[in-house]
Amino acid sequence: METLTFESDDLGVTEDFLSRAYARLRIGSTTPEAGRVRVTRTGVDAVSIDEIDLSFEMSYSVTPLGRICLCVMYDGTVRDHGFQGVRDDFGPGDVVMFAPPELPYSGRICNARYNITMLDPGLLSQVAGEQGGPPVRLTGHRPRSSAVARQLGRTIAYLRDQVLADPAVAEQPLVASTAAQHLAASVLSAFPSTALAGDTSTAARDERDTHPVILRRALAYIDDHADQPVTVAEIAGAAHVTPRALQYAFRRHLDTTPLAHLRQVRLAQAHRDLMAGDPTEGATVTEIAARWGFHHPGRFASLYRDAYDRAPHRTLNGG
């Protein structure tokens, strides 16, 4: 898990820090005496979330980040933000992608508080189940609607406050992978993208490729790897089919999805550990849930009650 805190009122020191924390950049200020910058970061593997407070006007010119960079504005404005073919201004409540990972961008930040969330672009292909082909790309820098923008903002805040805020939870391998995939799925839901843009001939082939042996391979792989970070593409590779064919087979024969089935397998493993756990030796519901990738205690409790008709703490305490 990565954490850092930076605070300075020296423009040169700030430029050096930002270049190391993001990408090579140049900053400037028309303010006679530059104000203070404060940055706090938490992150796991492919995702980092930064809270930034900048108390003056600062221009910026940034080389390509190589990562998807999202911005949630709280106060202040970003003006004249631009990259290839785009020029825009952002204000409080806006949720935007700063630029495609391969493009530079520039603009001015004016006395602003905002959130920067960065994620590995490969996560989009993982959650879309389209690894092996062209990478999934976002095709717009603003979300499809204000409603999905607010939902994405809530997802980022949840990851920051409920997952990354507790190192004991965030450092669980399955928590880190599921949190990153959850964020990527929320990004795909919010922004227009190239996901699921395949042709009809591919879809027709996938529909034919649903023999039960595929499911047996996929189910065996899930059972054997439930304690590890798993993607749809990896399950499909083990079954020797495309991710879309795998998704179709699960929908057709099991009325579910590969990742939903994986979640049920992990829930069953958590149930096993709760039954075997001893609270007097330090076993807790939160720790066992996190071990199996459930980073939200309330959500885990709800799923557990639906499956086992009791609260998880009752099972742990022998009830």
Protein backbone atom coordinates (compact mmCIF):
# COMPACT_ATOMS: atom_id res chain seq x y z
CA MET A 1 0.00 0.00 0.00
CA GLU A 2 1.28 3.46 -0.92
CA THR A 3 0.78 6.58 1.20
CA LEU A 4 2.35 10.01 1.00
CA THR A 5 1.80 13.56 2.19
CA PHE A 6 3.32 16.66 0.61
CA GLU A 7 2.99 20.31 1.57
CA SER A 8 4.97 23.31 0.28
CA ASP A 9 4.72 26.96 -0.69
CA ASP A 10 7.83 26.79 -2.90
CA LEU A 11 6.91 26.55 -6.60
CA GLY A 12 10.15 24.82 -7.58
CA VAL A 13 9.80 22.21 -4.86
CA THR A 14 6.18 21.68 -5.84
CA GLU A 15 7.08 21.21 -9.52
CA ASP A 16 9.72 18.63 -8.63
CA PHE A 17 7.29 16.71 -6.40
CA LEU A 18 4.46 16.74 -8.95
CA SER A 19 6.83 15.56 -11.69
CA ARG A 20 7.78 12.58 -9.55
CA ALA A 21 4.23 11.85 -8.37
CA TYR A 22 2.52 12.12 -11.78
CA ALA A 23 4.57 12.77 -14.92
CA ARG A 24 7.12 15.29 -16.13
CA LEU A 25 5.49 18.72 -16.09
CA ARG A 26 6.01 22.45 -15.98
CA ILE A 27 4.03 24.69 -13.65
CA GLY A 28 3.85 28.45 -13.21
CA SER A 29 1.94 31.10 -11.29
CA THR A 30 0.92 34.71 -11.89
CA THR A 31 0.37 35.13 -8.16
CA PRO A 32 3.09 37.43 -6.77
CA GLU A 33 3.69 35.06 -3.89
CA ALA A 34 2.63 31.51 -4.68
CA GLY A 35 0.37 29.96 -2.07
CA ARG A 36 0.53 26.55 -0.50
CA VAL A 37 -0.03 23.15 -2.11
CA ARG A 38 -1.04 20.13 -0.06
CA VAL A 39 -1.29 16.58 -1.47
CA THR A 40 -2.21 13.38 0.35
CA ARG A 41 -2.15 10.04 -1.47
CA THR A 42 -3.28 6.51 -0.73
CA GLY A 43 -3.02 3.71 -3.25
CA VAL A 44 -2.91 -0.01 -3.95
CA ASP A 45 -1.22 -1.55 -6.98
CA ALA A 46 -3.07 -0.23 -10.04
CA VAL A 47 -5.06 2.56 -8.30
CA SER A 48 -4.08 5.72 -6.43
CA ILE A 49 -6.31 8.42 -4.95
CA ASP A 50 -4.97 11.90 -4.17
CA GLU A 51 -6.60 14.79 -2.32
CA ILE A 52 -5.17 18.12 -3.46
CA ASP A 53 -5.63 21.60 -1.99
CA LEU A 54 -4.07 24.42 -4.03
CA SER A 55 -4.51 27.94 -2.62
CA PHE A 56 -3.38 29.99 -5.63
CA GLU A 57 -3.60 30.08 -9.43
CA MET A 58 -1.26 27.63 -11.13
CA SER A 59 -0.73 26.87 -14.81
CA TYR A 60 0.34 23.36 -15.80
CA SER A 61 1.68 21.54 -18.84
CA VAL A 62 1.91 17.77 -18.36
CA THR A 63 3.48 15.04 -20.47
CA PRO A 64 1.42 11.84 -21.00
CA LEU A 65 0.65 10.09 -17.73
CA GLY A 66 0.30 6.59 -19.13
CA ARG A 67 -2.63 6.16 -16.77
CA ILE A 68 -6.30 7.11 -16.71
CA CYS A 69 -6.51 10.29 -14.63
CA LEU A 70 -9.89 11.27 -13.18
CA CYS A 71 -10.63 14.58 -11.47
CA VAL A 72 -13.46 15.28 -9.01
CA MET A 73 -13.79 19.01 -8.32
CA TYR A 74 -14.81 20.20 -4.84
CA ASP A 75 -14.07 23.96 -4.86
CA GLY A 76 -12.47 26.44 -7.26
CA THR A 77 -12.06 25.97 -11.00
CA VAL A 78 -9.89 24.45 -13.69
CA ARG A 79 -9.79 26.70 -16.75
CA ASP A 80 -8.61 26.32 -20.32
CA HIS A 81 -7.92 22.64 -19.78
CA GLY A 82 -6.94 21.18 -23.10
CA PHE A 83 -5.61 18.17 -24.92
CA GLN A 84 -5.86 17.04 -28.54
CA GLY A 85 -9.14 18.40 -29.90
CA VAL A 86 -10.59 19.32 -26.50
CA ARG A 87 -10.83 22.59 -24.56
CA ASP A 88 -12.95 22.74 -21.40
CA ASP A 89 -13.46 24.38 -17.98
CA PHE A 90 -14.37 22.48 -14.81
CA GLY A 91 -16.02 23.62 -11.61
CA PRO A 92 -17.41 22.30 -8.32
CA GLY A 93 -19.22 18.98 -8.75
CA ASP A 94 -17.64 18.13 -12.10
CA VAL A 95 -16.15 14.67 -12.65
CA VAL A 96 -13.87 14.43 -15.69
CA MET A 97 -11.04 12.48 -17.27
CA PHE A 98 -8.09 14.85 -17.68
CA ALA A 99 -6.83 13.25 -20.92
CA PRO A 100 -6.32 9.87 -22.62
CA PRO A 101 -3.27 8.14 -21.10
CA GLU A 102 -1.11 8.70 -24.19
CA LEU A 103 -1.74 12.44 -24.62
CA PRO A 104 -0.23 15.53 -22.95
CA TYR A 105 -2.52 18.21 -21.50
CA SER A 106 -2.39 21.71 -20.05
CA GLY A 107 -4.51 24.32 -18.29
CA ARG A 108 -4.88 26.50 -15.19
CA ILE A 109 -6.01 25.56 -11.69
CA CYS A 110 -7.53 28.45 -9.76
CA ASN A 111 -7.64 28.20 -5.94
CA ALA A 112 -9.05 24.71 -6.03
CA ARG A 113 -9.67 21.65 -3.89
CA TYR A 114 -10.03 18.48 -5.92
CA ASN A 115 -9.46 14.74 -6.08
CA ILE A 116 -7.17 12.99 -8.56
CA THR A 117 -7.74 9.27 -9.08
CA MET A 118 -5.39 7.37 -11.36
CA LEU A 119 -5.75 3.79 -12.58
CA ASP A 120 -4.01 1.43 -14.93
CA PRO A 121 -5.71 1.53 -18.38
CA GLY A 122 -5.41 -2.25 -18.61
CA LEU A 123 -8.05 -2.58 -15.90
CA LEU A 124 -10.71 -1.47 -18.39
CA SER A 125 -9.99 -4.44 -20.65
CA GLN A 126 -9.90 -6.76 -17.66
CA VAL A 127 -13.34 -5.85 -16.38
CA ALA A 128 -14.82 -5.62 -19.89
CA GLY A 129 -13.54 -9.13 -20.62
CA GLU A 130 -11.81 -7.97 -23.81
CA GLN A 131 -8.17 -8.79 -23.17
CA GLY A 132 -6.32 -10.17 -26.17
CA GLY A 133 -7.79 -7.67 -28.59
CA PRO A 134 -7.44 -3.91 -28.95
CA PRO A 135 -7.30 -2.24 -25.52
CA VAL A 136 -10.53 -0.72 -24.26
CA ARG A 137 -10.39 3.07 -24.44
CA LEU A 138 -12.56 5.85 -23.08
CA THR A 139 -13.91 7.93 -25.97
CA GLY A 140 -15.03 11.01 -24.05
CA HIS A 141 -13.61 13.07 -21.19
CA ARG A 142 -16.98 13.75 -19.50
CA PRO A 143 -19.39 11.13 -18.13
CA ARG A 144 -22.57 10.24 -19.99
CA SER A 145 -24.78 12.03 -17.45
CA SER A 146 -24.68 13.90 -14.16
CA ALA A 147 -26.21 10.87 -12.43
CA VAL A 148 -23.42 8.49 -13.44
CA ALA A 149 -20.86 11.18 -12.62
CA ARG A 150 -22.22 11.41 -9.07
CA GLN A 151 -22.17 7.63 -8.77
CA LEU A 152 -18.53 7.50 -9.88
CA GLY A 153 -17.70 10.22 -7.36
CA ARG A 154 -19.33 8.12 -4.62
CA THR A 155 -17.35 5.06 -5.69
CA ILE A 156 -14.07 7.00 -5.46
CA ALA A 157 -15.02 8.40 -2.05
CA TYR A 158 -15.96 4.94 -0.81
CA LEU A 159 -12.64 3.45 -1.91
CA ARG A 160 -10.76 6.32 -0.29
CA ASP A 161 -12.65 6.31 3.01
CA GLN A 162 -13.58 2.65 3.51
CA VAL A 163 -10.88 0.62 1.73
CA LEU A 164 -7.68 2.63 1.48
CA ALA A 165 -8.16 4.29 4.87
CA ASP A 166 -7.55 0.96 6.64
CA PRO A 167 -4.17 -0.57 5.69
CA ALA A 168 -5.11 -3.88 7.29
CA VAL A 169 -7.99 -4.17 4.82
CA ALA A 170 -6.36 -2.54 1.78
CA GLU A 171 -3.28 -4.77 1.95
CA GLN A 172 -5.33 -7.93 1.54
CA PRO A 173 -4.53 -9.08 -2.04
CA LEU A 174 -8.13 -9.88 -2.95
CA VAL A 175 -9.35 -6.57 -1.55
CA ALA A 176 -6.83 -4.67 -3.66
CA SER A 177 -7.79 -6.49 -6.86
CA THR A 178 -11.56 -6.33 -6.33
CA ALA A 179 -11.40 -2.65 -5.35
CA ALA A 180 -9.44 -1.83 -8.51
CA GLN A 181 -11.84 -3.81 -10.68
CA HIS A 182 -14.83 -2.17 -9.00
CA LEU A 183 -13.43 1.26 -9.79
CA ALA A 184 -12.69 0.28 -13.40
CA ALA A 185 -16.23 -1.07 -13.81
CA SER A 186 -17.62 2.21 -12.47
CA VAL A 187 -15.45 4.16 -14.93
CA LEU A 188 -16.71 2.05 -17.84
CA SER A 189 -20.27 2.59 -16.67
CA ALA A 190 -19.79 6.35 -16.44
CA PHE A 191 -17.81 7.21 -19.60
CA PRO A 192 -18.39 6.39 -23.26
CA SER A 193 -15.87 3.77 -24.40
CA THR A 194 -14.97 1.18 -27.01
CA ALA A 195 -16.03 -1.69 -24.74
CA LEU A 196 -18.35 -4.30 -26.20
CA ALA A 197 -17.96 -3.03 -29.73
CA GLY A 198 -17.40 -6.41 -31.38
CA ASP A 199 -18.93 -7.47 -34.68
CA THR A 200 -21.89 -9.80 -35.18
CA SER A 201 -19.76 -12.65 -36.55
CA THR A 202 -17.73 -12.72 -33.31
CA ALA A 203 -20.92 -12.71 -31.25
CA ALA A 204 -22.34 -15.58 -33.31
CA ARG A 205 -19.17 -17.63 -32.80
CA ASP A 206 -19.27 -16.97 -29.08
CA GLU A 207 -22.87 -18.18 -28.88
CA ARG A 208 -21.85 -21.48 -30.49
CA ASP A 209 -18.86 -21.88 -28.21
CA THR A 210 -20.76 -22.87 -25.06
CA HIS A 211 -20.10 -26.60 -24.71
CA PRO A 212 -20.36 -27.85 -21.07
CA VAL A 213 -16.65 -28.74 -21.08
CA ILE A 214 -15.95 -25.00 -21.20
CA LEU A 215 -17.91 -24.50 -18.02
CA ARG A 216 -16.15 -27.39 -16.30
CA ARG A 217 -12.76 -25.88 -17.10
CA ALA A 218 -13.87 -22.43 -15.99
CA LEU A 219 -15.46 -23.65 -12.76
CA ALA A 220 -12.39 -25.70 -11.90
CA TYR A 221 -10.14 -22.70 -12.47
CA ILE A 222 -12.32 -20.52 -10.24
CA ASP A 223 -12.32 -23.12 -7.47
CA ASP A 224 -8.53 -23.49 -7.66
CA HIS A 225 -7.78 -19.75 -7.76
CA ALA A 226 -10.49 -18.20 -5.58
CA ASP A 227 -7.83 -17.11 -3.09
CA GLN A 228 -5.98 -15.12 -5.77
CA PRO A 229 -6.77 -12.03 -7.86
CA VAL A 230 -8.71 -13.34 -10.89
CA THR A 231 -9.98 -11.64 -14.04
CA VAL A 232 -12.54 -12.74 -16.63
CA ALA A 233 -9.75 -12.94 -19.22
CA GLU A 234 -7.76 -15.35 -17.04
CA ILE A 235 -10.79 -17.60 -16.52
CA ALA A 236 -11.50 -17.55 -20.26
CA GLY A 237 -7.88 -18.44 -21.01
CA ALA A 238 -8.11 -21.46 -18.71
CA ALA A 239 -11.29 -22.54 -20.52
CA HIS A 240 -9.69 -21.94 -23.98
CA VAL A 241 -12.40 -19.54 -25.14
CA THR A 242 -12.85 -15.80 -25.61
CA PRO A 243 -14.06 -13.74 -22.64
CA ARG A 244 -17.34 -13.09 -24.45
CA ALA A 245 -17.89 -16.80 -25.05
CA LEU A 246 -17.26 -17.41 -21.36
CA GLN A 247 -19.76 -14.71 -20.36
CA TYR A 248 -22.33 -16.19 -22.74
CA ALA A 249 -21.81 -19.73 -21.42
CA PHE A 250 -22.31 -18.62 -17.81
CA ARG A 251 -25.45 -16.67 -18.70
CA ARG A 252 -26.90 -19.48 -20.79
CA HIS A 253 -26.21 -22.43 -18.49
CA LEU A 254 -25.89 -20.94 -15.00
CA ASP A 255 -27.86 -17.67 -15.27
CA THR A 256 -24.97 -15.74 -13.75
CA THR A 257 -21.60 -14.24 -14.68
CA PRO A 258 -18.09 -15.60 -14.07
CA LEU A 259 -17.27 -12.92 -11.51
CA ALA A 260 -20.60 -13.35 -9.71
CA HIS A 261 -19.87 -17.07 -9.43
CA LEU A 262 -16.36 -16.29 -8.18
CA ARG A 263 -17.90 -14.08 -5.50
CA GLN A 264 -20.15 -16.95 -4.38
CA VAL A 265 -17.17 -19.30 -4.17
CA ARG A 266 -15.30 -16.76 -2.05
CA LEU A 267 -18.38 -16.29 0.13
CA ALA A 268 -18.44 -20.05 0.74
CA GLN A 269 -14.77 -19.97 1.69
CA ALA A 270 -15.41 -17.10 4.08
CA HIS A 271 -18.24 -19.15 5.60
CA ARG A 272 -15.82 -22.04 6.10
CA ASP A 273 -13.31 -19.76 7.82
CA LEU A 274 -16.00 -18.22 10.02
CA MET A 275 -17.07 -21.68 11.17
CA ALA A 276 -13.45 -22.61 11.94
CA GLY A 277 -12.48 -19.26 13.45
CA ASP A 278 -11.94 -18.62 17.13
CA PRO A 279 -12.74 -15.08 18.38
CA THR A 280 -10.67 -15.69 21.51
CA GLU A 281 -7.60 -16.06 19.28
CA GLY A 282 -8.29 -12.82 17.41
CA ALA A 283 -10.46 -13.99 14.51
CA THR A 284 -12.86 -11.26 13.35
CA VAL A 285 -15.56 -11.03 10.72
CA THR A 286 -13.85 -8.03 9.10
CA GLU A 287 -10.50 -9.82 8.77
CA ILE A 288 -12.03 -13.00 7.34
CA ALA A 289 -14.21 -11.04 4.92
CA ALA A 290 -11.20 -9.02 3.71
CA ARG A 291 -9.17 -12.22 3.29
CA TRP A 292 -11.72 -13.30 0.67
CA GLY A 293 -12.00 -9.95 -1.07
CA PHE A 294 -15.03 -8.45 0.70
CA HIS A 295 -13.87 -4.97 1.66
CA HIS A 296 -17.28 -3.58 2.72
CA PRO A 297 -18.40 -5.15 6.03
CA GLY A 298 -22.04 -4.15 5.56
CA ARG A 299 -22.17 -5.55 2.02
CA PHE A 300 -20.49 -8.76 3.16
CA ALA A 301 -22.97 -9.15 6.02
CA SER A 302 -25.88 -8.69 3.62
CA LEU A 303 -24.54 -11.25 1.13
CA TYR A 304 -23.81 -13.65 3.96
CA ARG A 305 -27.29 -13.38 5.45
CA ASP A 306 -28.86 -13.96 2.05
CA ALA A 307 -26.78 -17.12 1.57
CA TYR A 308 -26.76 -18.57 5.10
CA ASP A 309 -29.77 -17.00 6.82
CA ARG A 310 -27.72 -15.66 9.71
CA ALA A 311 -25.34 -12.84 10.49
CA PRO A 312 -21.63 -13.69 10.03
CA HIS A 313 -20.78 -12.81 13.64
CA ARG A 314 -23.22 -15.49 14.80
CA THR A 315 -21.36 -18.12 12.77
CA LEU A 316 -18.00 -16.93 14.12
CA ASN A 317 -19.30 -17.11 17.68
CA GLY A 318 -20.78 -20.56 17.18
CA GLY A 319 -24.36 -19.38 16.95
